[in-house]
Amino acid sequence: RSGAAILGAITVALYTWGLLHLAGAVIG
């Protein structure tokens, strides 16, 4: 369960990193 949560956190971190790139593109 802990491993699933940590892997889920990594998944969300990667997705958030992509969202931040998109936010920069939308502003641009």
PDB file of all heavy atoms in Angstrom:
ATOM      1  N   ARG A   1       0.833  -1.215   0.000  1.00  0.00           N
ATOM      2  CA  ARG A   1       0.000   0.000   0.000  1.00  0.00           C
ATOM      3  C   ARG A   1       0.857   1.250   0.000  1.00  0.00           C
ATOM      4  O   ARG A   1       0.575   2.208  -0.729  1.00  0.00           O
ATOM      5  CB  ARG A   1      -0.928   0.008   1.227  1.00  0.00           C
ATOM      6  CG  ARG A   1      -2.167  -0.830   1.075  1.00  0.00           C
ATOM      7  CD  ARG A   1      -3.209  -0.509   2.144  1.00  0.00           C
ATOM      8  NE  ARG A   1      -2.696  -0.537   3.503  1.00  0.00           N
ATOM      9  CZ  ARG A   1      -2.649  -1.616   4.275  1.00  0.00           C
ATOM     10  NH1 ARG A   1      -3.102  -2.768   3.817  1.00  0.00           N
ATOM     11  NH2 ARG A   1      -2.187  -1.554   5.498  1.00  0.00           N
ATOM     12  N   SER A   2       1.902   1.244   0.807  1.00  0.00           N
ATOM     13  CA  SER A   2       2.800   2.406   0.854  1.00  0.00           C
ATOM     14  C   SER A   2       3.511   2.586  -0.478  1.00  0.00           C
ATOM     15  O   SER A   2       3.657   3.711  -0.966  1.00  0.00           O
ATOM     16  CB  SER A   2       3.823   2.238   1.976  1.00  0.00           C
ATOM     17  OG  SER A   2       3.172   2.214   3.220  1.00  0.00           O
ATOM     18  N   GLY A   3       3.942   1.471  -1.058  1.00  0.00           N
ATOM     19  CA  GLY A   3       4.582   1.545  -2.373  1.00  0.00           C
ATOM     20  C   GLY A   3       3.641   2.096  -3.425  1.00  0.00           C
ATOM     21  O   GLY A   3       4.038   2.906  -4.272  1.00  0.00           O
ATOM     22  N   ALA A   4       2.377   1.669  -3.384  1.00  0.00           N
ATOM     23  CA  ALA A   4       1.382   2.179  -4.326  1.00  0.00           C
ATOM     24  C   ALA A   4       1.202   3.686  -4.154  1.00  0.00           C
ATOM     25  O   ALA A   4       1.113   4.425  -5.135  1.00  0.00           O
ATOM     26  CB  ALA A   4       0.057   1.456  -4.138  1.00  0.00           C
ATOM     27  N   ALA A   5       1.152   4.143  -2.917  1.00  0.00           N
ATOM     28  CA  ALA A   5       0.990   5.580  -2.654  1.00  0.00           C
ATOM     29  C   ALA A   5       2.203   6.362  -3.146  1.00  0.00           C
ATOM     30  O   ALA A   5       2.058   7.428  -3.761  1.00  0.00           O
ATOM     31  CB  ALA A   5       0.766   5.826  -1.166  1.00  0.00           C
ATOM     32  N   ILE A   6       3.389   5.852  -2.901  1.00  0.00           N
ATOM     33  CA  ILE A   6       4.605   6.547  -3.339  1.00  0.00           C
ATOM     34  C   ILE A   6       4.692   6.562  -4.863  1.00  0.00           C
ATOM     35  O   ILE A   6       5.024   7.592  -5.467  1.00  0.00           O
ATOM     36  CB  ILE A   6       5.851   5.911  -2.687  1.00  0.00           C
ATOM     37  CG1 ILE A   6       5.827   6.179  -1.179  1.00  0.00           C
ATOM     38  CG2 ILE A   6       7.135   6.439  -3.314  1.00  0.00           C
ATOM     39  CD1 ILE A   6       6.796   5.335  -0.374  1.00  0.00           C
ATOM     40  N   LEU A   7       4.389   5.441  -5.504  1.00  0.00           N
ATOM     41  CA  LEU A   7       4.374   5.405  -6.969  1.00  0.00           C
ATOM     42  C   LEU A   7       3.291   6.331  -7.524  1.00  0.00           C
ATOM     43  O   LEU A   7       3.489   6.991  -8.553  1.00  0.00           O
ATOM     44  CB  LEU A   7       4.166   3.982  -7.467  1.00  0.00           C
ATOM     45  CG  LEU A   7       5.347   3.038  -7.276  1.00  0.00           C
ATOM     46  CD1 LEU A   7       4.927   1.595  -7.526  1.00  0.00           C
ATOM     47  CD2 LEU A   7       6.503   3.430  -8.180  1.00  0.00           C
ATOM     48  N   GLY A   8       2.155   6.403  -6.845  1.00  0.00           N
ATOM     49  CA  GLY A   8       1.111   7.346  -7.239  1.00  0.00           C
ATOM     50  C   GLY A   8       1.581   8.786  -7.117  1.00  0.00           C
ATOM     51  O   GLY A   8       1.276   9.618  -7.980  1.00  0.00           O
ATOM     52  N   ALA A   9       2.332   9.078  -6.059  1.00  0.00           N
ATOM     53  CA  ALA A   9       2.871  10.431  -5.882  1.00  0.00           C
ATOM     54  C   ALA A   9       3.840  10.774  -7.012  1.00  0.00           C
ATOM     55  O   ALA A   9       3.835  11.901  -7.520  1.00  0.00           O
ATOM     56  CB  ALA A   9       3.562  10.547  -4.523  1.00  0.00           C
ATOM     57  N   ILE A  10       4.659   9.820  -7.419  1.00  0.00           N
ATOM     58  CA  ILE A  10       5.581  10.061  -8.530  1.00  0.00           C
ATOM     59  C   ILE A  10       4.797  10.309  -9.817  1.00  0.00           C
ATOM     60  O   ILE A  10       5.140  11.199 -10.608  1.00  0.00           O
ATOM     61  CB  ILE A  10       6.564   8.884  -8.683  1.00  0.00           C
ATOM     62  CG1 ILE A  10       7.478   8.802  -7.463  1.00  0.00           C
ATOM     63  CG2 ILE A  10       7.376   9.006  -9.965  1.00  0.00           C
ATOM     64  CD1 ILE A  10       8.300   7.533  -7.390  1.00  0.00           C
ATOM     65  N   THR A  11       3.725   9.549 -10.030  1.00  0.00           N
ATOM     66  CA  THR A  11       2.874   9.744 -11.202  1.00  0.00           C
ATOM     67  C   THR A  11       2.297  11.147 -11.220  1.00  0.00           C
ATOM     68  O   THR A  11       2.340  11.847 -12.237  1.00  0.00           O
ATOM     69  CB  THR A  11       1.722   8.710 -11.211  1.00  0.00           C
ATOM     70  OG1 THR A  11       2.283   7.402 -11.162  1.00  0.00           O
ATOM     71  CG2 THR A  11       0.845   8.861 -12.427  1.00  0.00           C
ATOM     72  N   VAL A  12       1.769  11.580 -10.078  1.00  0.00           N
ATOM     73  CA  VAL A  12       1.177  12.914  -9.978  1.00  0.00           C
ATOM     74  C   VAL A  12       2.251  13.991 -10.161  1.00  0.00           C
ATOM     75  O   VAL A  12       2.012  15.021 -10.800  1.00  0.00           O
ATOM     76  CB  VAL A  12       0.425  13.091  -8.641  1.00  0.00           C
ATOM     77  CG1 VAL A  12      -0.044  14.516  -8.446  1.00  0.00           C
ATOM     78  CG2 VAL A  12      -0.756  12.139  -8.579  1.00  0.00           C
ATOM     79  N   ALA A  13       3.446  13.759  -9.629  1.00  0.00           N
ATOM     80  CA  ALA A  13       4.533  14.731  -9.794  1.00  0.00           C
ATOM     81  C   ALA A  13       4.896  14.891 -11.269  1.00  0.00           C
ATOM     82  O   ALA A  13       5.090  16.017 -11.751  1.00  0.00           O
ATOM     83  CB  ALA A  13       5.754  14.296  -8.991  1.00  0.00           C
ATOM     84  N   LEU A  14       4.977  13.791 -11.991  1.00  0.00           N
ATOM     85  CA  LEU A  14       5.281  13.862 -13.427  1.00  0.00           C
ATOM     86  C   LEU A  14       4.182  14.604 -14.185  1.00  0.00           C
ATOM     87  O   LEU A  14       4.462  15.458 -15.033  1.00  0.00           O
ATOM     88  CB  LEU A  14       5.462  12.460 -14.005  1.00  0.00           C
ATOM     89  CG  LEU A  14       6.761  11.762 -13.658  1.00  0.00           C
ATOM     90  CD1 LEU A  14       6.676  10.274 -13.956  1.00  0.00           C
ATOM     91  CD2 LEU A  14       7.916  12.391 -14.425  1.00  0.00           C
ATOM     92  N   TYR A  15       2.941  14.291 -13.875  1.00  0.00           N
ATOM     93  CA  TYR A  15       1.815  14.951 -14.541  1.00  0.00           C
ATOM     94  C   TYR A  15       1.818  16.457 -14.230  1.00  0.00           C
ATOM     95  O   TYR A  15       1.592  17.276 -15.114  1.00  0.00           O
ATOM     96  CB  TYR A  15       0.505  14.306 -14.101  1.00  0.00           C
ATOM     97  CG  TYR A  15      -0.675  14.682 -14.964  1.00  0.00           C
ATOM     98  CD1 TYR A  15      -0.885  14.055 -16.179  1.00  0.00           C
ATOM     99  CD2 TYR A  15      -1.574  15.659 -14.557  1.00  0.00           C
ATOM    100  CE1 TYR A  15      -1.969  14.403 -16.980  1.00  0.00           C
ATOM    101  CE2 TYR A  15      -2.650  16.008 -15.347  1.00  0.00           C
ATOM    102  CZ  TYR A  15      -2.844  15.379 -16.561  1.00  0.00           C
ATOM    103  OH  TYR A  15      -3.918  15.727 -17.345  1.00  0.00           O
ATOM    104  N   THR A  16       2.107  16.806 -12.996  1.00  0.00           N
ATOM    105  CA  THR A  16       2.172  18.215 -12.605  1.00  0.00           C
ATOM    106  C   THR A  16       3.286  18.929 -13.345  1.00  0.00           C
ATOM    107  O   THR A  16       3.123  20.081 -13.772  1.00  0.00           O
ATOM    108  CB  THR A  16       2.367  18.343 -11.083  1.00  0.00           C
ATOM    109  OG1 THR A  16       1.325  17.622 -10.421  1.00  0.00           O
ATOM    110  CG2 THR A  16       2.347  19.791 -10.631  1.00  0.00           C
ATOM    111  N   TRP A  17       4.421  18.262 -13.516  1.00  0.00           N
ATOM    112  CA  TRP A  17       5.539  18.852 -14.264  1.00  0.00           C
ATOM    113  C   TRP A  17       5.091  19.149 -15.697  1.00  0.00           C
ATOM    114  O   TRP A  17       5.388  20.204 -16.250  1.00  0.00           O
ATOM    115  CB  TRP A  17       6.733  17.909 -14.227  1.00  0.00           C
ATOM    116  CG  TRP A  17       7.963  18.428 -14.883  1.00  0.00           C
ATOM    117  CD1 TRP A  17       8.619  17.853 -15.933  1.00  0.00           C
ATOM    118  CD2 TRP A  17       8.712  19.602 -14.554  1.00  0.00           C
ATOM    119  NE1 TRP A  17       9.718  18.604 -16.270  1.00  0.00           N
ATOM    120  CE2 TRP A  17       9.795  19.683 -15.437  1.00  0.00           C
ATOM    121  CE3 TRP A  17       8.548  20.589 -13.594  1.00  0.00           C
ATOM    122  CZ2 TRP A  17      10.718  20.715 -15.403  1.00  0.00           C
ATOM    123  CZ3 TRP A  17       9.475  21.630 -13.555  1.00  0.00           C
ATOM    124  CH2 TRP A  17      10.543  21.678 -14.444  1.00  0.00           C
ATOM    125  N   GLY A  18       4.348  18.235 -16.301  1.00  0.00           N
ATOM    126  CA  GLY A  18       3.807  18.466 -17.634  1.00  0.00           C
ATOM    127  C   GLY A  18       2.803  19.604 -17.650  1.00  0.00           C
ATOM    128  O   GLY A  18       2.789  20.424 -18.576  1.00  0.00           O
ATOM    129  N   LEU A  19       1.955  19.681 -16.617  1.00  0.00           N
ATOM    130  CA  LEU A  19       0.989  20.784 -16.522  1.00  0.00           C
ATOM    131  C   LEU A  19       1.687  22.134 -16.424  1.00  0.00           C
ATOM    132  O   LEU A  19       1.224  23.127 -16.997  1.00  0.00           O
ATOM    133  CB  LEU A  19       0.074  20.591 -15.312  1.00  0.00           C
ATOM    134  CG  LEU A  19      -1.000  19.523 -15.403  1.00  0.00           C
ATOM    135  CD1 LEU A  19      -1.720  19.387 -14.061  1.00  0.00           C
ATOM    136  CD2 LEU A  19      -1.993  19.826 -16.512  1.00  0.00           C
ATOM    137  N   LEU A  20       2.806  22.178 -15.713  1.00  0.00           N
ATOM    138  CA  LEU A  20       3.543  23.435 -15.607  1.00  0.00           C
ATOM    139  C   LEU A  20       4.115  23.854 -16.962  1.00  0.00           C
ATOM    140  O   LEU A  20       4.124  25.047 -17.295  1.00  0.00           O
ATOM    141  CB  LEU A  20       4.654  23.313 -14.560  1.00  0.00           C
ATOM    142  CG  LEU A  20       4.160  23.214 -13.115  1.00  0.00           C
ATOM    143  CD1 LEU A  20       5.314  22.882 -12.175  1.00  0.00           C
ATOM    144  CD2 LEU A  20       3.480  24.507 -12.689  1.00  0.00           C
ATOM    145  N   HIS A  21       4.567  22.898 -17.752  1.00  0.00           N
ATOM    146  CA  HIS A  21       5.020  23.215 -19.107  1.00  0.00           C
ATOM    147  C   HIS A  21       3.857  23.754 -19.943  1.00  0.00           C
ATOM    148  O   HIS A  21       4.018  24.725 -20.692  1.00  0.00           O
ATOM    149  CB  HIS A  21       5.610  21.971 -19.784  1.00  0.00           C
ATOM    150  CG  HIS A  21       7.000  21.659 -19.363  1.00  0.00           C
ATOM    151  ND1 HIS A  21       7.289  20.947 -18.235  1.00  0.00           N
ATOM    152  CD2 HIS A  21       8.190  21.967 -19.927  1.00  0.00           C
ATOM    153  CE1 HIS A  21       8.596  20.833 -18.120  1.00  0.00           C
ATOM    154  NE2 HIS A  21       9.168  21.442 -19.133  1.00  0.00           N
ATOM    155  N   LEU A  22       2.694  23.125 -19.805  1.00  0.00           N
ATOM    156  CA  LEU A  22       1.517  23.584 -20.543  1.00  0.00           C
ATOM    157  C   LEU A  22       1.090  24.981 -20.100  1.00  0.00           C
ATOM    158  O   LEU A  22       0.678  25.791 -20.922  1.00  0.00           O
ATOM    159  CB  LEU A  22       0.356  22.613 -20.351  1.00  0.00           C
ATOM    160  CG  LEU A  22       0.426  21.330 -21.155  1.00  0.00           C
ATOM    161  CD1 LEU A  22      -0.756  20.439 -20.814  1.00  0.00           C
ATOM    162  CD2 LEU A  22       0.463  21.606 -22.632  1.00  0.00           C
ATOM    163  N   ALA A  23       1.171  25.254 -18.813  1.00  0.00           N
ATOM    164  CA  ALA A  23       0.801  26.583 -18.313  1.00  0.00           C
ATOM    165  C   ALA A  23       1.681  27.650 -18.959  1.00  0.00           C
ATOM    166  O   ALA A  23       1.194  28.714 -19.355  1.00  0.00           O
ATOM    167  CB  ALA A  23       0.914  26.628 -16.797  1.00  0.00           C
ATOM    168  N   GLY A  24       2.969  27.361 -19.079  1.00  0.00           N
ATOM    169  CA  GLY A  24       3.866  28.296 -19.749  1.00  0.00           C
ATOM    170  C   GLY A  24       3.490  28.491 -21.209  1.00  0.00           C
ATOM    171  O   GLY A  24       3.543  29.604 -21.736  1.00  0.00           O
ATOM    172  N   ALA A  25       3.078  27.416 -21.880  1.00  0.00           N
ATOM    173  CA  ALA A  25       2.673  27.508 -23.284  1.00  0.00           C
ATOM    174  C   ALA A  25       1.383  28.300 -23.433  1.00  0.00           C
ATOM    175  O   ALA A  25       1.236  29.089 -24.369  1.00  0.00           O
ATOM    176  CB  ALA A  25       2.504  26.118 -23.872  1.00  0.00           C
ATOM    177  N   VAL A  26       0.439  28.087 -22.525  1.00  0.00           N
ATOM    178  CA  VAL A  26      -0.833  28.812 -22.593  1.00  0.00           C
ATOM    179  C   VAL A  26      -0.597  30.298 -22.373  1.00  0.00           C
ATOM    180  O   VAL A  26      -1.162  31.138 -23.074  1.00  0.00           O
ATOM    181  CB  VAL A  26      -1.839  28.241 -21.571  1.00  0.00           C
ATOM    182  CG1 VAL A  26      -3.054  29.139 -21.419  1.00  0.00           C
ATOM    183  CG2 VAL A  26      -2.248  26.837 -21.982  1.00  0.00           C
ATOM    184  N   ILE A  27       0.258  30.626 -21.429  1.00  0.00           N
ATOM    185  CA  ILE A  27       0.576  32.038 -21.192  1.00  0.00           C
ATOM    186  C   ILE A  27       1.243  32.630 -22.425  1.00  0.00           C
ATOM    187  O   ILE A  27       0.961  33.751 -22.826  1.00  0.00           O
ATOM    188  CB  ILE A  27       1.468  32.188 -19.941  1.00  0.00           C
ATOM    189  CG1 ILE A  27       0.657  31.856 -18.695  1.00  0.00           C
ATOM    190  CG2 ILE A  27       2.055  33.592 -19.861  1.00  0.00           C
ATOM    191  CD1 ILE A  27       1.489  31.707 -17.436  1.00  0.00           C
ATOM    192  N   GLY A  28       2.116  31.835 -23.062  1.00  0.00           N
ATOM    193  CA  GLY A  28       2.798  32.310 -24.267  1.00  0.00           C
ATOM    194  C   GLY A  28       1.924  32.321 -25.498  1.00  0.00           C
ATOM    195  O   GLY A  28       2.280  32.902 -26.512  1.00  0.00           O
TER     196      GLY A  28
END
